[in-house]
Protein backbone atom coordinates (compact mmCIF):
# COMPACT_ATOMS: atom_id res chain seq x y z
CA GLU A 1 0.20 5.34 19.60
CA THR A 2 -0.68 2.72 16.84
CA THR A 3 -4.35 3.88 16.85
CA SER A 4 -3.44 7.47 16.69
CA THR A 5 -1.14 6.97 13.88
CA MET A 6 -3.92 5.01 12.23
CA MET A 7 -6.29 7.88 12.81
CA ARG A 8 -4.00 10.59 11.56
CA PHE A 9 -3.31 8.53 8.43
CA ARG A 10 -7.10 8.15 7.63
CA LEU A 11 -7.76 11.71 8.16
CA LEU A 12 -4.98 12.56 5.65
CA LEU A 13 -6.90 10.35 2.99
CA CYS A 14 -10.28 11.73 3.97
CA VAL A 15 -9.15 15.38 3.88
CA ALA A 16 -7.33 14.68 0.44
CA THR A 17 -10.74 13.51 -0.73
CA SER A 18 -12.50 16.63 0.17
CA VAL A 19 -9.69 18.86 -1.58
CA SER A 20 -9.44 16.92 -4.85
CA GLY A 21 -13.09 16.94 -5.29
CA LEU A 22 -13.86 13.33 -6.21
CA GLN A 23 -17.08 14.30 -7.76
CA HIS A 24 -15.64 15.69 -10.89
CA SER A 25 -16.01 14.12 -14.38
CA GLY A 26 -14.27 13.38 -17.09
CA GLY A 27 -11.54 11.11 -15.28
CA ARG A 28 -9.15 13.77 -14.49
CA PRO A 29 -8.74 15.91 -11.34
CA PRO A 30 -9.29 19.69 -12.30
CA VAL A 31 -6.35 22.24 -12.13
CA GLU A 32 -8.04 23.94 -9.15
CA SER A 33 -8.00 20.50 -7.29
CA LYS A 34 -4.32 19.85 -8.00
CA ARG A 35 -3.41 23.38 -6.63
CA ALA A 36 -5.52 22.82 -3.59
CA TRP A 37 -3.85 19.45 -2.86
CA ALA A 38 -0.42 21.05 -3.22
CA SER A 39 -1.51 23.78 -0.76
CA VAL A 40 -2.70 21.00 1.61
CA LEU A 41 0.43 19.19 1.55
CA GLY A 42 2.41 22.28 2.23
CA ARG A 43 0.86 22.93 5.59
CA SER A 44 2.05 21.56 8.74
CA ALA A 45 0.71 18.25 10.35
CA GLY A 46 -1.04 20.13 13.04
CA ALA A 47 -2.72 22.25 10.50
CA LEU A 48 -3.90 19.31 8.39
CA LEU A 49 -5.51 17.59 11.36
CA ALA A 50 -7.26 20.82 12.34
CA SER A 51 -8.35 21.12 8.70
CA ALA A 52 -9.99 17.41 8.98
CA ALA A 53 -12.44 18.63 11.58
CA VAL A 54 -14.10 20.76 9.32
CA ALA A 55 -13.53 18.98 6.03
CA SER A 56 -16.78 17.80 4.63
CA CYS A 57 -15.64 14.07 4.50
CA GLY A 58 -17.80 12.91 7.32
CA VAL A 59 -14.95 11.96 9.69
CA LEU A 60 -16.13 14.24 12.54
CA ALA A 61 -19.87 14.01 11.92
CA ALA A 62 -22.01 16.33 14.01
CA ASN A 63 -24.46 13.60 14.76
CA GLY A 64 -23.18 12.93 18.28
CA ALA A 65 -21.15 9.65 17.45
CA SER A 66 -17.63 9.88 18.75
CA SER A 67 -14.66 10.59 16.23
CA ALA A 68 -12.88 7.49 17.47
CA GLU A 69 -15.89 5.09 16.48
CA GLN A 70 -16.34 6.79 12.99
CA LEU A 71 -12.13 6.62 12.42
CA GLY A 72 -12.28 3.08 13.37
CA SER A 73 -14.86 2.30 10.84
CA ALA A 74 -13.33 4.33 7.94
CA LYS A 75 -12.18 2.49 4.66
CA ILE A 76 -9.46 3.84 2.59
CA LYS A 77 -11.15 4.52 -0.51
CA GLY A 78 -8.43 7.01 -1.84
CA GLY A 79 -8.15 10.69 -1.98
CA GLY A 80 -6.57 13.45 -4.24
CA ALA A 81 -3.54 13.08 -5.96
CA SER A 82 -1.70 12.75 -9.00
CA THR A 83 -2.63 9.08 -9.86
CA LEU A 84 -6.00 7.94 -11.21
CA GLN A 85 -7.08 4.45 -11.20
CA SER A 86 -10.62 2.60 -11.67
CA GLY A 87 -12.16 5.91 -11.77
CA ARG A 88 -10.92 7.08 -8.21
CA VAL A 89 -7.90 9.44 -7.23
CA ILE A 90 -5.54 7.68 -5.07
CA ALA A 91 -4.09 9.46 -2.25
CA ILE A 92 -0.49 9.62 -1.97
CA THR A 93 1.41 9.48 1.42
CA ARG A 94 4.90 9.92 2.34
CA GLY A 95 7.12 9.35 5.24
CA VAL A 96 4.31 7.93 7.38
CA ASN A 97 5.19 5.81 10.44
CA LEU A 98 2.58 2.96 10.28
CA ASP A 99 4.55 0.28 12.35
CA ASN A 100 2.65 -2.72 13.47
CA THR A 101 -0.81 -1.55 11.71
CA ASP A 102 -3.40 -4.07 10.83
CA TRP A 103 -4.58 -4.05 7.15
CA GLU A 104 -5.68 -7.65 6.94
CA LYS A 105 -8.28 -8.36 4.00
CA GLN A 106 -8.25 -4.54 3.33
CA ASP A 107 -8.75 -2.99 -0.04
CA LEU A 108 -5.65 -0.92 -0.66
CA LYS A 109 -5.72 -0.92 -4.48
CA GLY A 110 -3.39 1.49 -5.75
CA VAL A 111 -2.68 3.14 -2.48
CA ALA A 112 0.83 4.63 -2.36
CA PHE A 113 2.95 3.94 0.78
CA GLN A 114 6.39 5.28 -0.62
CA GLN A 115 8.90 5.89 1.82
CA SER A 116 6.66 5.19 4.90
CA VAL A 117 7.78 3.03 7.80
CA LEU A 118 5.59 -0.34 7.90
CA ARG A 119 7.53 -2.58 10.07
CA GLY A 120 5.61 -5.66 11.44
CA CYS A 121 2.57 -4.97 9.61
CA ASN A 122 -0.17 -7.31 8.82
CA PHE A 123 -1.18 -7.20 5.20
CA LYS A 124 -2.62 -10.79 5.28
CA PHE A 125 -5.14 -11.43 2.11
CA ALA A 126 -5.14 -7.64 1.50
CA ASN A 127 -5.90 -6.30 -2.14
CA LEU A 128 -2.34 -4.41 -2.98
CA PHE A 129 -3.24 -4.38 -6.56
CA SER A 130 -0.86 -1.73 -8.07
CA ALA A 131 0.32 -0.33 -4.65
CA SER A 132 3.29 1.18 -4.32
CA PHE A 133 5.69 0.67 -1.43
CA PHE A 134 8.71 2.50 -3.41
CA ASP A 135 11.80 2.86 -0.60
CA ALA A 136 9.27 1.81 2.26
CA ASP A 137 10.49 -0.36 4.98
CA LEU A 138 8.47 -3.32 5.26
CA SER A 139 10.67 -5.52 7.54
CA GLY A 140 8.94 -8.30 9.19
CA SER A 141 5.53 -7.68 7.74
CA SER A 142 3.15 -10.35 6.59
CA PHE A 143 1.66 -10.49 3.00
CA ASN A 144 0.62 -13.89 3.17
CA GLY A 145 -2.11 -14.62 0.61
CA ALA A 146 -2.14 -10.96 -0.51
CA ASN A 147 -2.70 -9.69 -3.90
CA MET A 148 0.33 -7.99 -5.07
CA GLN A 149 0.20 -7.87 -8.67
CA GLN A 150 1.98 -4.70 -10.17
CA VAL A 151 3.38 -3.69 -6.80
CA ASN A 152 6.03 -1.24 -6.84
CA LEU A 153 8.67 -2.85 -4.41
CA GLU A 154 11.57 -0.87 -5.73
CA MET A 155 14.13 -0.04 -3.19
CA ALA A 156 11.79 -1.38 -0.52
CA ASP A 157 13.13 -3.34 2.49
CA LEU A 158 11.59 -6.76 2.56
CA SER A 159 13.88 -8.20 5.35
CA ASN A 160 12.09 -10.96 7.17
CA VAL A 161 9.06 -10.43 5.20
CA ASP A 162 6.33 -13.23 4.84
CA LEU A 163 5.18 -13.51 1.19
CA THR A 164 3.88 -16.94 1.32
CA ASP A 165 1.20 -17.62 -1.19
CA ALA A 166 1.18 -14.02 -2.18
CA ASP A 167 0.68 -13.13 -5.94
CA LEU A 168 3.30 -10.89 -7.10
CA THR A 169 2.66 -11.06 -10.98
CA GLN A 170 4.32 -8.15 -12.80
CA ALA A 171 5.55 -6.55 -9.65
CA TYR A 172 8.63 -4.46 -9.68
CA MET A 173 11.32 -4.95 -7.16
CA ALA A 174 14.78 -3.80 -8.78
CA GLY A 175 16.62 -2.61 -5.89
CA ALA A 176 14.68 -4.15 -3.19
CA VAL A 177 16.51 -5.56 0.06
CA ILE A 178 15.70 -9.13 0.44
CA LYS A 179 18.38 -9.96 3.27
CA ASN A 180 16.63 -12.90 5.43
CA LEU A 181 13.61 -13.12 2.94
CA GLU A 182 12.94 -16.79 3.44
CA LYS A 183 9.32 -17.43 3.49
CA ILE A 184 8.09 -17.37 -0.11
CA ASP A 185 6.41 -20.71 -0.44
CA ASN A 186 3.64 -20.95 -2.96
CA SER A 187 4.27 -17.33 -4.10
CA ASP A 188 3.66 -16.45 -7.55
CA TRP A 189 6.72 -14.43 -9.33
CA THR A 190 5.56 -14.25 -12.88
CA ASP A 191 6.88 -11.73 -14.96
CA VAL A 192 8.40 -9.77 -11.98
CA ASP A 193 11.25 -7.10 -12.98
CA MET A 194 14.22 -8.06 -10.39
CA ARG A 195 17.94 -8.33 -10.69
CA LYS A 196 19.90 -11.62 -11.64
CA ASP A 197 21.16 -12.16 -8.19
CA GLN A 198 17.71 -11.52 -6.65
CA ARG A 199 16.22 -14.34 -8.75
CA THR A 200 19.24 -16.76 -8.12
CA TYR A 201 18.63 -16.46 -4.47
CA LEU A 202 14.70 -16.73 -4.75
CA CYS A 203 15.14 -19.81 -6.81
CA SER A 204 17.33 -21.40 -4.03
CA ILE A 205 14.46 -21.39 -1.62
CA ALA A 206 11.52 -21.33 -3.81
CA ARG A 207 8.84 -24.41 -3.55
CA GLY A 208 5.14 -24.86 -3.85
CA LYS A 209 2.39 -23.68 -6.04
CA ASN A 210 0.35 -20.64 -5.49
CA SER A 211 -3.10 -21.20 -4.49
CA LYS A 212 -4.90 -18.48 -6.49
CA THR A 213 -3.06 -18.74 -9.99
CA GLY A 214 -1.98 -22.41 -9.63
CA VAL A 215 1.49 -21.57 -10.81
CA GLU A 216 4.57 -23.30 -9.12
CA THR A 217 6.90 -20.88 -7.53
CA ARG A 218 10.00 -21.83 -9.19
CA GLU A 219 8.25 -21.81 -12.58
CA SER A 220 7.16 -18.23 -11.94
CA LEU A 221 10.69 -17.27 -11.07
CA MET A 222 11.94 -19.21 -14.40
CA CYS A 223 14.31 -21.33 -12.21
CA PRO A 224 16.69 -23.78 -13.90
CA GLU A 225 15.63 -27.16 -13.70
CA ASP A 226 17.53 -29.34 -10.68
């Protein structure tokens, strides 16, 4: 089931790439691409997967290789949506169930997982710069050593999440659920936008120094001196 879900997710990103036309110049998707993307999102999940079979994204190549092998080696590079970062359009997903999936060391820069279910996932050492987990369920997931700079965690469920040695510089987490969030050793919270009660709680368990930035966790949280 997990493999099937990952295949569907990667197909969605791949189809989005074809629809939006990543070869356009000028740094902005053309109006036609936006309309095409809106049309694709309006289809049913079944129709979307059917379209993927004939999309010019190379997922189902006619060279005889199995689709499973090609999907397994596929990389999430982005694909048609409304956000443009570093010269590529980032696909926006919404409400996708990706429980227990493995994203360790993956480049997920700018990918939007808003309102998705990502319980028990492995994001260790992943590049999540400016990714969005708005209103996502991340309970029990591991972000150990991940680059989470400028990540949007607003309204996200961070229950039992492992943020050990993660770099959350300038992340946004107003409204995030931090129940049972205890693994934050060596994490960097510099300039993170959060509520006062969240900061007070995190300061009560903060310790260590981030291995990448060299910033002490308590210092990054602006905790009062003991």
